[in-house]
Amino acid sequence: MEYIYAALLLHNAGKAVTEDAVTAVLQAAGIEVNEARVKALVAALEGVDIEEAISKAAFAAPAAAAAPAAAAPAAEEAPAAEEEEEEEDTSEEDGMAGLGALFG
C-alpha cells in the first residue's frame, strides 16, 4: 500500500512517477524497498490517467459507503466488538476496490 501512496504523493507534487522517484520516496519514509514491486507499480501505472482514476474512485466511494448502511440492521444484532471488526473489514475492502481502479 505504501508503494501506491508514494506514487500518489509524487503525482500530487507534480513529479513524474518513475522507479527512481518512487524508490526515493519510500527510502525517505524509512521503508525497505522491494525493487520488483516498484517496477511492477510503475509499469502498471504507465498510460494510466491518475486524475481520472482518482475521480472514478471518489465517485464510487459514496456507493460503497451506502453498502455498510444497508447492512446495518443485521449488524445491530451482533455484539459491539464484532460490529467494529466488520466495519474495519468493509473499509479495507472498499479501499482496495477503489485502489484497483488505479490499475485499469
PDB file of N, CA and C in Angstrom:
ATOM      1  N   MET A   1       0.826  -1.182   0.000  1.00  0.00           N
ATOM      2  CA  MET A   1       0.000   0.000   0.000  1.00  0.00           C
ATOM      3  C   MET A   1       0.876   1.253   0.000  1.00  0.00           C
ATOM      4  N   GLU A   2       1.992   1.178   0.697  1.00  0.00           N
ATOM      5  CA  GLU A   2       2.870   2.350   0.747  1.00  0.00           C
ATOM      6  C   GLU A   2       3.447   2.691  -0.631  1.00  0.00           C
ATOM      7  N   TYR A   3       3.536   1.712  -1.503  1.00  0.00           N
ATOM      8  CA  TYR A   3       4.031   1.956  -2.852  1.00  0.00           C
ATOM      9  C   TYR A   3       3.029   2.824  -3.620  1.00  0.00           C
ATOM     10  N   ILE A   4       1.766   2.531  -3.460  1.00  0.00           N
ATOM     11  CA  ILE A   4       0.726   3.324  -4.114  1.00  0.00           C
ATOM     12  C   ILE A   4       0.697   4.730  -3.530  1.00  0.00           C
ATOM     13  N   TYR A   5       0.842   4.818  -2.212  1.00  0.00           N
ATOM     14  CA  TYR A   5       0.882   6.141  -1.586  1.00  0.00           C
ATOM     15  C   TYR A   5       2.048   6.964  -2.122  1.00  0.00           C
ATOM     16  N   ALA A   6       3.191   6.319  -2.320  1.00  0.00           N
ATOM     17  CA  ALA A   6       4.355   7.024  -2.861  1.00  0.00           C
ATOM     18  C   ALA A   6       4.037   7.560  -4.254  1.00  0.00           C
ATOM     19  N   ALA A   7       3.397   6.743  -5.080  1.00  0.00           N
ATOM     20  CA  ALA A   7       3.034   7.177  -6.426  1.00  0.00           C
ATOM     21  C   ALA A   7       2.031   8.333  -6.365  1.00  0.00           C
ATOM     22  N   LEU A   8       1.065   8.248  -5.475  1.00  0.00           N
ATOM     23  CA  LEU A   8       0.079   9.323  -5.349  1.00  0.00           C
ATOM     24  C   LEU A   8       0.727  10.611  -4.847  1.00  0.00           C
ATOM     25  N   LEU A   9       1.668  10.480  -3.930  1.00  0.00           N
ATOM     26  CA  LEU A   9       2.380  11.653  -3.419  1.00  0.00           C
ATOM     27  C   LEU A   9       3.161  12.329  -4.543  1.00  0.00           C
ATOM     28  N   LEU A  10       3.864  11.532  -5.325  1.00  0.00           N
ATOM     29  CA  LEU A  10       4.605  12.088  -6.459  1.00  0.00           C
ATOM     30  C   LEU A  10       3.669  12.771  -7.447  1.00  0.00           C
ATOM     31  N   HIS A  11       2.569  12.129  -7.755  1.00  0.00           N
ATOM     32  CA  HIS A  11       1.593  12.707  -8.690  1.00  0.00           C
ATOM     33  C   HIS A  11       1.053  14.030  -8.149  1.00  0.00           C
ATOM     34  N   ASN A  12       0.696  14.047  -6.881  1.00  0.00           N
ATOM     35  CA  ASN A  12       0.146  15.252  -6.257  1.00  0.00           C
ATOM     36  C   ASN A  12       1.167  16.396  -6.249  1.00  0.00           C
ATOM     37  N   ALA A  13       2.448  16.045  -6.150  1.00  0.00           N
ATOM     38  CA  ALA A  13       3.504  17.054  -6.147  1.00  0.00           C
ATOM     39  C   ALA A  13       3.880  17.498  -7.562  1.00  0.00           C
ATOM     40  N   GLY A  14       3.250  16.883  -8.571  1.00  0.00           N
ATOM     41  CA  GLY A  14       3.542  17.257  -9.944  1.00  0.00           C
ATOM     42  C   GLY A  14       4.812  16.622 -10.486  1.00  0.00           C
ATOM     43  N   LYS A  15       5.293  15.590  -9.828  1.00  0.00           N
ATOM     44  CA  LYS A  15       6.513  14.901 -10.249  1.00  0.00           C
ATOM     45  C   LYS A  15       6.153  13.668 -11.073  1.00  0.00           C
ATOM     46  N   ALA A  16       7.083  13.219 -11.880  1.00  0.00           N
ATOM     47  CA  ALA A  16       6.889  12.011 -12.667  1.00  0.00           C
ATOM     48  C   ALA A  16       6.968  10.791 -11.750  1.00  0.00           C
ATOM     49  N   VAL A  17       6.104   9.826 -12.005  1.00  0.00           N
ATOM     50  CA  VAL A  17       6.101   8.587 -11.216  1.00  0.00           C
ATOM     51  C   VAL A  17       7.053   7.618 -11.917  1.00  0.00           C
ATOM     52  N   THR A  18       8.317   7.663 -11.480  1.00  0.00           N
ATOM     53  CA  THR A  18       9.351   6.802 -12.045  1.00  0.00           C
ATOM     54  C   THR A  18       9.855   5.862 -10.967  1.00  0.00           C
ATOM     55  N   GLU A  19      10.590   4.849 -11.384  1.00  0.00           N
ATOM     56  CA  GLU A  19      11.151   3.896 -10.419  1.00  0.00           C
ATOM     57  C   GLU A  19      12.054   4.610  -9.416  1.00  0.00           C
ATOM     58  N   ASP A  20      12.910   5.502  -9.922  1.00  0.00           N
ATOM     59  CA  ASP A  20      13.825   6.222  -9.030  1.00  0.00           C
ATOM     60  C   ASP A  20      13.064   7.109  -8.048  1.00  0.00           C
ATOM     61  N   ALA A  21      12.028   7.784  -8.525  1.00  0.00           N
ATOM     62  CA  ALA A  21      11.272   8.689  -7.660  1.00  0.00           C
ATOM     63  C   ALA A  21      10.504   7.920  -6.594  1.00  0.00           C
ATOM     64  N   VAL A  22       9.853   6.821  -6.980  1.00  0.00           N
ATOM     65  CA  VAL A  22       9.111   6.012  -6.007  1.00  0.00           C
ATOM     66  C   VAL A  22      10.073   5.443  -4.973  1.00  0.00           C
ATOM     67  N   THR A  23      11.224   4.949  -5.426  1.00  0.00           N
ATOM     68  CA  THR A  23      12.229   4.410  -4.510  1.00  0.00           C
ATOM     69  C   THR A  23      12.701   5.478  -3.536  1.00  0.00           C
ATOM     70  N   ALA A  24      12.942   6.693  -4.031  1.00  0.00           N
ATOM     71  CA  ALA A  24      13.400   7.785  -3.172  1.00  0.00           C
ATOM     72  C   ALA A  24      12.365   8.129  -2.103  1.00  0.00           C
ATOM     73  N   VAL A  25      11.097   8.173  -2.486  1.00  0.00           N
ATOM     74  CA  VAL A  25      10.036   8.495  -1.523  1.00  0.00           C
ATOM     75  C   VAL A  25       9.955   7.405  -0.446  1.00  0.00           C
ATOM     76  N   LEU A  26       9.999   6.160  -0.876  1.00  0.00           N
ATOM     77  CA  LEU A  26       9.916   5.055   0.085  1.00  0.00           C
ATOM     78  C   LEU A  26      11.118   5.041   1.024  1.00  0.00           C
ATOM     79  N   GLN A  27      12.310   5.273   0.496  1.00  0.00           N
ATOM     80  CA  GLN A  27      13.501   5.307   1.335  1.00  0.00           C
ATOM     81  C   GLN A  27      13.441   6.474   2.312  1.00  0.00           C
ATOM     82  N   ALA A  28      12.935   7.618   1.854  1.00  0.00           N
ATOM     83  CA  ALA A  28      12.799   8.782   2.740  1.00  0.00           C
ATOM     84  C   ALA A  28      11.851   8.491   3.900  1.00  0.00           C
ATOM     85  N   ALA A  29      10.891   7.609   3.645  1.00  0.00           N
ATOM     86  CA  ALA A  29       9.932   7.235   4.690  1.00  0.00           C
ATOM     87  C   ALA A  29      10.472   6.118   5.574  1.00  0.00           C
ATOM     88  N   GLY A  30      11.672   5.627   5.265  1.00  0.00           N
ATOM     89  CA  GLY A  30      12.274   4.583   6.079  1.00  0.00           C
ATOM     90  C   GLY A  30      11.758   3.184   5.759  1.00  0.00           C
ATOM     91  N   ILE A  31      11.251   3.005   4.551  1.00  0.00           N
ATOM     92  CA  ILE A  31      10.689   1.716   4.144  1.00  0.00           C
ATOM     93  C   ILE A  31      11.730   0.958   3.327  1.00  0.00           C
ATOM     94  N   GLU A  32      11.891  -0.327   3.633  1.00  0.00           N
ATOM     95  CA  GLU A  32      12.789  -1.165   2.856  1.00  0.00           C
ATOM     96  C   GLU A  32      12.140  -1.412   1.496  1.00  0.00           C
ATOM     97  N   VAL A  33      12.817  -1.013   0.443  1.00  0.00           N
ATOM     98  CA  VAL A  33      12.242  -1.019  -0.895  1.00  0.00           C
ATOM     99  C   VAL A  33      12.459  -2.364  -1.585  1.00  0.00           C
ATOM    100  N   ASN A  34      11.387  -2.887  -2.155  1.00  0.00           N
ATOM    101  CA  ASN A  34      11.443  -4.084  -2.973  1.00  0.00           C
ATOM    102  C   ASN A  34      11.407  -3.609  -4.422  1.00  0.00           C
ATOM    103  N   GLU A  35      12.540  -3.727  -5.104  1.00  0.00           N
ATOM    104  CA  GLU A  35      12.660  -3.197  -6.465  1.00  0.00           C
ATOM    105  C   GLU A  35      11.640  -3.805  -7.430  1.00  0.00           C
ATOM    106  N   ALA A  36      11.321  -5.082  -7.249  1.00  0.00           N
ATOM    107  CA  ALA A  36      10.348  -5.731  -8.134  1.00  0.00           C
ATOM    108  C   ALA A  36       8.972  -5.093  -7.982  1.00  0.00           C
ATOM    109  N   ARG A  37       8.602  -4.756  -6.754  1.00  0.00           N
ATOM    110  CA  ARG A  37       7.299  -4.114  -6.535  1.00  0.00           C
ATOM    111  C   ARG A  37       7.275  -2.717  -7.136  1.00  0.00           C
ATOM    112  N   VAL A  38       8.403  -2.011  -7.034  1.00  0.00           N
ATOM    113  CA  VAL A  38       8.484  -0.667  -7.615  1.00  0.00           C
ATOM    114  C   VAL A  38       8.327  -0.760  -9.130  1.00  0.00           C
ATOM    115  N   LYS A  39       9.039  -1.692  -9.748  1.00  0.00           N
ATOM    116  CA  LYS A  39       8.949  -1.863 -11.205  1.00  0.00           C
ATOM    117  C   LYS A  39       7.526  -2.228 -11.623  1.00  0.00           C
ATOM    118  N   ALA A  40       6.896  -3.120 -10.865  1.00  0.00           N
ATOM    119  CA  ALA A  40       5.530  -3.539 -11.190  1.00  0.00           C
ATOM    120  C   ALA A  40       4.558  -2.364 -11.075  1.00  0.00           C
ATOM    121  N   LEU A  41       4.719  -1.557 -10.048  1.00  0.00           N
ATOM    122  CA  LEU A  41       3.837  -0.404  -9.861  1.00  0.00           C
ATOM    123  C   LEU A  41       3.989   0.594 -11.002  1.00  0.00           C
ATOM    124  N   VAL A  42       5.228   0.945 -11.311  1.00  0.00           N
ATOM    125  CA  VAL A  42       5.465   1.927 -12.366  1.00  0.00           C
ATOM    126  C   VAL A  42       4.955   1.389 -13.710  1.00  0.00           C
ATOM    127  N   ALA A  43       5.169   0.112 -13.963  1.00  0.00           N
ATOM    128  CA  ALA A  43       4.678  -0.487 -15.211  1.00  0.00           C
ATOM    129  C   ALA A  43       3.148  -0.479 -15.252  1.00  0.00           C
ATOM    130  N   ALA A  44       2.513  -0.758 -14.121  1.00  0.00           N
ATOM    131  CA  ALA A  44       1.057  -0.790 -14.061  1.00  0.00           C
ATOM    132  C   ALA A  44       0.457   0.606 -14.244  1.00  0.00           C
ATOM    133  N   LEU A  45       1.171   1.614 -13.792  1.00  0.00           N
ATOM    134  CA  LEU A  45       0.660   2.984 -13.898  1.00  0.00           C
ATOM    135  C   LEU A  45       0.969   3.636 -15.235  1.00  0.00           C
ATOM    136  N   GLU A  46       1.807   2.998 -16.040  1.00  0.00           N
ATOM    137  CA  GLU A  46       2.159   3.563 -17.342  1.00  0.00           C
ATOM    138  C   GLU A  46       0.902   3.656 -18.213  1.00  0.00           C
ATOM    139  N   GLY A  47       0.635   4.851 -18.681  1.00  0.00           N
ATOM    140  CA  GLY A  47      -0.528   5.061 -19.535  1.00  0.00           C
ATOM    141  C   GLY A  47      -1.826   5.274 -18.767  1.00  0.00           C
ATOM    142  N   VAL A  48      -1.771   5.244 -17.438  1.00  0.00           N
ATOM    143  CA  VAL A  48      -2.970   5.450 -16.622  1.00  0.00           C
ATOM    144  C   VAL A  48      -3.091   6.933 -16.286  1.00  0.00           C
ATOM    145  N   ASP A  49      -4.266   7.489 -16.493  1.00  0.00           N
ATOM    146  CA  ASP A  49      -4.541   8.869 -16.096  1.00  0.00           C
ATOM    147  C   ASP A  49      -4.922   8.825 -14.616  1.00  0.00           C
ATOM    148  N   ILE A  50      -3.977   9.182 -13.766  1.00  0.00           N
ATOM    149  CA  ILE A  50      -4.180   9.061 -12.321  1.00  0.00           C
ATOM    150  C   ILE A  50      -5.323   9.962 -11.855  1.00  0.00           C
ATOM    151  N   GLU A  51      -5.440  11.157 -12.411  1.00  0.00           N
ATOM    152  CA  GLU A  51      -6.542  12.052 -12.027  1.00  0.00           C
ATOM    153  C   GLU A  51      -7.890  11.407 -12.324  1.00  0.00           C
ATOM    154  N   GLU A  52      -7.996  10.791 -13.481  1.00  0.00           N
ATOM    155  CA  GLU A  52      -9.243  10.132 -13.851  1.00  0.00           C
ATOM    156  C   GLU A  52      -9.523   8.954 -12.914  1.00  0.00           C
ATOM    157  N   ALA A  53      -8.489   8.185 -12.591  1.00  0.00           N
ATOM    158  CA  ALA A  53      -8.657   7.044 -11.693  1.00  0.00           C
ATOM    159  C   ALA A  53      -9.093   7.499 -10.306  1.00  0.00           C
ATOM    160  N   ILE A  54      -8.530   8.604  -9.843  1.00  0.00           N
ATOM    161  CA  ILE A  54      -8.907   9.138  -8.528  1.00  0.00           C
ATOM    162  C   ILE A  54     -10.359   9.603  -8.552  1.00  0.00           C
ATOM    163  N   SER A  55     -10.755  10.283  -9.630  1.00  0.00           N
ATOM    164  CA  SER A  55     -12.130  10.771  -9.694  1.00  0.00           C
ATOM    165  C   SER A  55     -13.125   9.617  -9.770  1.00  0.00           C
ATOM    166  N   LYS A  56     -12.767   8.544 -10.490  1.00  0.00           N
ATOM    167  CA  LYS A  56     -13.640   7.373 -10.539  1.00  0.00           C
ATOM    168  C   LYS A  56     -13.739   6.719  -9.172  1.00  0.00           C
ATOM    169  N   ALA A  57     -12.623   6.646  -8.462  1.00  0.00           N
ATOM    170  CA  ALA A  57     -12.627   6.052  -7.124  1.00  0.00           C
ATOM    171  C   ALA A  57     -13.452   6.918  -6.171  1.00  0.00           C
ATOM    172  N   ALA A  58     -13.337   8.226  -6.296  1.00  0.00           N
ATOM    173  CA  ALA A  58     -14.111   9.133  -5.445  1.00  0.00           C
ATOM    174  C   ALA A  58     -15.589   9.022  -5.759  1.00  0.00           C
ATOM    175  N   PHE A  59     -15.927   8.826  -7.029  1.00  0.00           N
ATOM    176  CA  PHE A  59     -17.320   8.678  -7.441  1.00  0.00           C
ATOM    177  C   PHE A  59     -17.897   7.370  -6.896  1.00  0.00           C
ATOM    178  N   ALA A  60     -17.099   6.318  -6.864  1.00  0.00           N
ATOM    179  CA  ALA A  60     -17.550   5.010  -6.386  1.00  0.00           C
ATOM    180  C   ALA A  60     -17.633   4.971  -4.862  1.00  0.00           C
ATOM    181  N   ALA A  61     -16.909   5.838  -4.181  1.00  0.00           N
ATOM    182  CA  ALA A  61     -16.871   5.816  -2.719  1.00  0.00           C
ATOM    183  C   ALA A  61     -18.244   6.037  -2.082  1.00  0.00           C
ATOM    184  N   PRO A  62     -19.071   6.996  -2.542  1.00  0.00           N
ATOM    185  CA  PRO A  62     -20.386   7.159  -1.919  1.00  0.00           C
ATOM    186  C   PRO A  62     -21.250   5.901  -2.034  1.00  0.00           C
ATOM    187  N   ALA A  63     -21.172   5.206  -3.150  1.00  0.00           N
ATOM    188  CA  ALA A  63     -21.944   3.974  -3.310  1.00  0.00           C
ATOM    189  C   ALA A  63     -21.418   2.897  -2.371  1.00  0.00           C
ATOM    190  N   ALA A  64     -20.110   2.847  -2.204  1.00  0.00           N
ATOM    191  CA  ALA A  64     -19.513   1.868  -1.302  1.00  0.00           C
ATOM    192  C   ALA A  64     -19.862   2.203   0.148  1.00  0.00           C
ATOM    193  N   ALA A  65     -19.943   3.486   0.468  1.00  0.00           N
ATOM    194  CA  ALA A  65     -20.285   3.892   1.825  1.00  0.00           C
ATOM    195  C   ALA A  65     -21.735   3.547   2.144  1.00  0.00           C
ATOM    196  N   ALA A  66     -22.598   3.526   1.140  1.00  0.00           N
ATOM    197  CA  ALA A  66     -24.001   3.190   1.349  1.00  0.00           C
ATOM    198  C   ALA A  66     -24.180   1.707   1.645  1.00  0.00           C
ATOM    199  N   ALA A  67     -23.299   0.868   1.164  1.00  0.00           N
ATOM    200  CA  ALA A  67     -23.406  -0.579   1.382  1.00  0.00           C
ATOM    201  C   ALA A  67     -23.362  -0.943   2.860  1.00  0.00           C
ATOM    202  N   PRO A  68     -22.424  -0.407   3.668  1.00  0.00           N
ATOM    203  CA  PRO A  68     -22.452  -0.741   5.094  1.00  0.00           C
ATOM    204  C   PRO A  68     -23.723  -0.242   5.784  1.00  0.00           C
ATOM    205  N   ALA A  69     -24.275   0.878   5.329  1.00  0.00           N
ATOM    206  CA  ALA A  69     -25.506   1.394   5.920  1.00  0.00           C
ATOM    207  C   ALA A  69     -26.663   0.446   5.663  1.00  0.00           C
ATOM    208  N   ALA A  70     -26.693  -0.174   4.507  1.00  0.00           N
ATOM    209  CA  ALA A  70     -27.750  -1.122   4.183  1.00  0.00           C
ATOM    210  C   ALA A  70     -27.618  -2.393   5.018  1.00  0.00           C
ATOM    211  N   ALA A  71     -26.406  -2.747   5.402  1.00  0.00           N
ATOM    212  CA  ALA A  71     -26.158  -3.940   6.201  1.00  0.00           C
ATOM    213  C   ALA A  71     -26.310  -3.664   7.696  1.00  0.00           C
ATOM    214  N   ALA A  72     -26.549  -2.432   8.085  1.00  0.00           N
ATOM    215  CA  ALA A  72     -26.614  -2.049   9.492  1.00  0.00           C
ATOM    216  C   ALA A  72     -27.667  -2.811  10.293  1.00  0.00           C
ATOM    217  N   PRO A  73     -28.882  -3.063   9.787  1.00  0.00           N
ATOM    218  CA  PRO A  73     -29.849  -3.792  10.607  1.00  0.00           C
ATOM    219  C   PRO A  73     -29.342  -5.172  11.033  1.00  0.00           C
ATOM    220  N   ALA A  74     -28.669  -5.876  10.182  1.00  0.00           N
ATOM    221  CA  ALA A  74     -28.122  -7.183  10.545  1.00  0.00           C
ATOM    222  C   ALA A  74     -26.994  -7.023  11.552  1.00  0.00           C
ATOM    223  N   ALA A  75     -26.214  -5.964  11.435  1.00  0.00           N
ATOM    224  CA  ALA A  75     -25.090  -5.750  12.336  1.00  0.00           C
ATOM    225  C   ALA A  75     -25.551  -5.369  13.737  1.00  0.00           C
ATOM    226  N   GLU A  76     -26.747  -4.765  13.858  1.00  0.00           N
ATOM    227  CA  GLU A  76     -27.236  -4.357  15.166  1.00  0.00           C
ATOM    228  C   GLU A  76     -27.460  -5.552  16.079  1.00  0.00           C
ATOM    229  N   GLU A  77     -27.722  -6.696  15.521  1.00  0.00           N
ATOM    230  CA  GLU A  77     -27.939  -7.887  16.321  1.00  0.00           C
ATOM    231  C   GLU A  77     -26.637  -8.465  16.851  1.00  0.00           C
ATOM    232  N   ALA A  78     -25.507  -8.130  16.241  1.00  0.00           N
ATOM    233  CA  ALA A  78     -24.212  -8.649  16.658  1.00  0.00           C
ATOM    234  C   ALA A  78     -23.681  -7.839  17.845  1.00  0.00           C
ATOM    235  N   PRO A  79     -22.816  -8.442  18.672  1.00  0.00           N
ATOM    236  CA  PRO A  79     -22.187  -7.697  19.762  1.00  0.00           C
ATOM    237  C   PRO A  79     -21.326  -6.561  19.212  1.00  0.00           C
ATOM    238  N   ALA A  80     -21.050  -5.565  20.048  1.00  0.00           N
ATOM    239  CA  ALA A  80     -20.338  -4.368  19.615  1.00  0.00           C
ATOM    240  C   ALA A  80     -18.945  -4.678  19.081  1.00  0.00           C
ATOM    241  N   ALA A  81     -18.217  -5.590  19.697  1.00  0.00           N
ATOM    242  CA  ALA A  81     -16.861  -5.915  19.254  1.00  0.00           C
ATOM    243  C   ALA A  81     -16.868  -6.482  17.841  1.00  0.00           C
ATOM    244  N   GLU A  82     -17.819  -7.352  17.540  1.00  0.00           N
ATOM    245  CA  GLU A  82     -17.897  -7.926  16.203  1.00  0.00           C
ATOM    246  C   GLU A  82     -18.293  -6.863  15.183  1.00  0.00           C
ATOM    247  N   GLU A  83     -19.122  -5.930  15.603  1.00  0.00           N
ATOM    248  CA  GLU A  83     -19.555  -4.860  14.705  1.00  0.00           C
ATOM    249  C   GLU A  83     -18.370  -4.007  14.282  1.00  0.00           C
ATOM    250  N   GLU A  84     -17.492  -3.668  15.212  1.00  0.00           N
ATOM    251  CA  GLU A  84     -16.323  -2.877  14.879  1.00  0.00           C
ATOM    252  C   GLU A  84     -15.423  -3.613  13.900  1.00  0.00           C
ATOM    253  N   GLU A  85     -15.235  -4.918  14.094  1.00  0.00           N
ATOM    254  CA  GLU A  85     -14.411  -5.708  13.188  1.00  0.00           C
ATOM    255  C   GLU A  85     -15.006  -5.699  11.788  1.00  0.00           C
ATOM    256  N   GLU A  86     -16.319  -5.859  11.677  1.00  0.00           N
ATOM    257  CA  GLU A  86     -16.970  -5.878  10.375  1.00  0.00           C
ATOM    258  C   GLU A  86     -16.800  -4.545   9.666  1.00  0.00           C
ATOM    259  N   GLU A  87     -16.909  -3.436  10.412  1.00  0.00           N
ATOM    260  CA  GLU A  87     -16.748  -2.118   9.811  1.00  0.00           C
ATOM    261  C   GLU A  87     -15.338  -1.939   9.292  1.00  0.00           C
ATOM    262  N   GLU A  88     -14.329  -2.385  10.042  1.00  0.00           N
ATOM    263  CA  GLU A  88     -12.953  -2.266   9.600  1.00  0.00           C
ATOM    264  C   GLU A  88     -12.728  -3.098   8.347  1.00  0.00           C
ATOM    265  N   ASP A  89     -13.252  -4.327   8.306  1.00  0.00           N
ATOM    266  CA  ASP A  89     -13.099  -5.191   7.138  1.00  0.00           C
ATOM    267  C   ASP A  89     -13.736  -4.545   5.913  1.00  0.00           C
ATOM    268  N   THR A  90     -14.915  -3.977   6.088  1.00  0.00           N
ATOM    269  CA  THR A  90     -15.610  -3.340   4.976  1.00  0.00           C
ATOM    270  C   THR A  90     -14.808  -2.151   4.471  1.00  0.00           C
ATOM    271  N   SER A  91     -14.264  -1.350   5.379  1.00  0.00           N
ATOM    272  CA  SER A  91     -13.489  -0.189   4.974  1.00  0.00           C
ATOM    273  C   SER A  91     -12.270  -0.597   4.174  1.00  0.00           C
ATOM    274  N   GLU A  92     -11.578  -1.639   4.612  1.00  0.00           N
ATOM    275  CA  GLU A  92     -10.402  -2.099   3.886  1.00  0.00           C
ATOM    276  C   GLU A  92     -10.791  -2.612   2.508  1.00  0.00           C
ATOM    277  N   GLU A  93     -11.895  -3.375   2.428  1.00  0.00           N
ATOM    278  CA  GLU A  93     -12.347  -3.896   1.139  1.00  0.00           C
ATOM    279  C   GLU A  93     -12.730  -2.760   0.201  1.00  0.00           C
ATOM    280  N   ASP A  94     -13.425  -1.759   0.728  1.00  0.00           N
ATOM    281  CA  ASP A  94     -13.819  -0.616  -0.092  1.00  0.00           C
ATOM    282  C   ASP A  94     -12.590   0.133  -0.585  1.00  0.00           C
ATOM    283  N   GLY A  95     -11.616   0.300   0.292  1.00  0.00           N
ATOM    284  CA  GLY A  95     -10.386   0.993  -0.090  1.00  0.00           C
ATOM    285  C   GLY A  95      -9.637   0.250  -1.166  1.00  0.00           C
ATOM    286  N   MET A  96      -9.565  -1.060  -1.030  1.00  0.00           N
ATOM    287  CA  MET A  96      -8.863  -1.861  -2.025  1.00  0.00           C
ATOM    288  C   MET A  96      -9.595  -1.810  -3.368  1.00  0.00           C
ATOM    289  N   ALA A  97     -10.921  -1.794  -3.345  1.00  0.00           N
ATOM    290  CA  ALA A  97     -11.688  -1.730  -4.582  1.00  0.00           C
ATOM    291  C   ALA A  97     -11.397  -0.408  -5.287  1.00  0.00           C
ATOM    292  N   GLY A  98     -11.319   0.661  -4.524  1.00  0.00           N
ATOM    293  CA  GLY A  98     -11.013   1.974  -5.110  1.00  0.00           C
ATOM    294  C   GLY A  98      -9.611   2.014  -5.672  1.00  0.00           C
ATOM    295  N   LEU A  99      -8.663   1.399  -4.980  1.00  0.00           N
ATOM    296  CA  LEU A  99      -7.294   1.378  -5.451  1.00  0.00           C
ATOM    297  C   LEU A  99      -7.146   0.539  -6.706  1.00  0.00           C
ATOM    298  N   GLY A 100      -8.002  -0.450  -6.856  1.00  0.00           N
ATOM    299  CA  GLY A 100      -7.952  -1.294  -8.036  1.00  0.00           C
ATOM    300  C   GLY A 100      -8.194  -0.478  -9.305  1.00  0.00           C
ATOM    301  N   ALA A 101      -8.906   0.624  -9.173  1.00  0.00           N
ATOM    302  CA  ALA A 101      -9.177   1.465 -10.333  1.00  0.00           C
ATOM    303  C   ALA A 101      -7.900   2.111 -10.867  1.00  0.00           C
ATOM    304  N   LEU A 102      -6.885   2.224 -10.021  1.00  0.00           N
ATOM    305  CA  LEU A 102      -5.628   2.815 -10.466  1.00  0.00           C
ATOM    306  C   LEU A 102      -4.912   1.932 -11.488  1.00  0.00           C
ATOM    307  N   PHE A 103      -5.241   0.649 -11.483  1.00  0.00           N
ATOM    308  CA  PHE A 103      -4.522  -0.272 -12.350  1.00  0.00           C
ATOM    309  C   PHE A 103      -5.340  -0.698 -13.557  1.00  0.00           C
ATOM    310  N   GLY A 104      -6.299   0.083 -13.917  1.00  0.00           N
ATOM    311  CA  GLY A 104      -7.008  -0.151 -15.167  1.00  0.00           C
ATOM    312  C   GLY A 104      -8.250  -0.894 -14.975  1.00  0.00           C
TER     313      GLY A 104
END
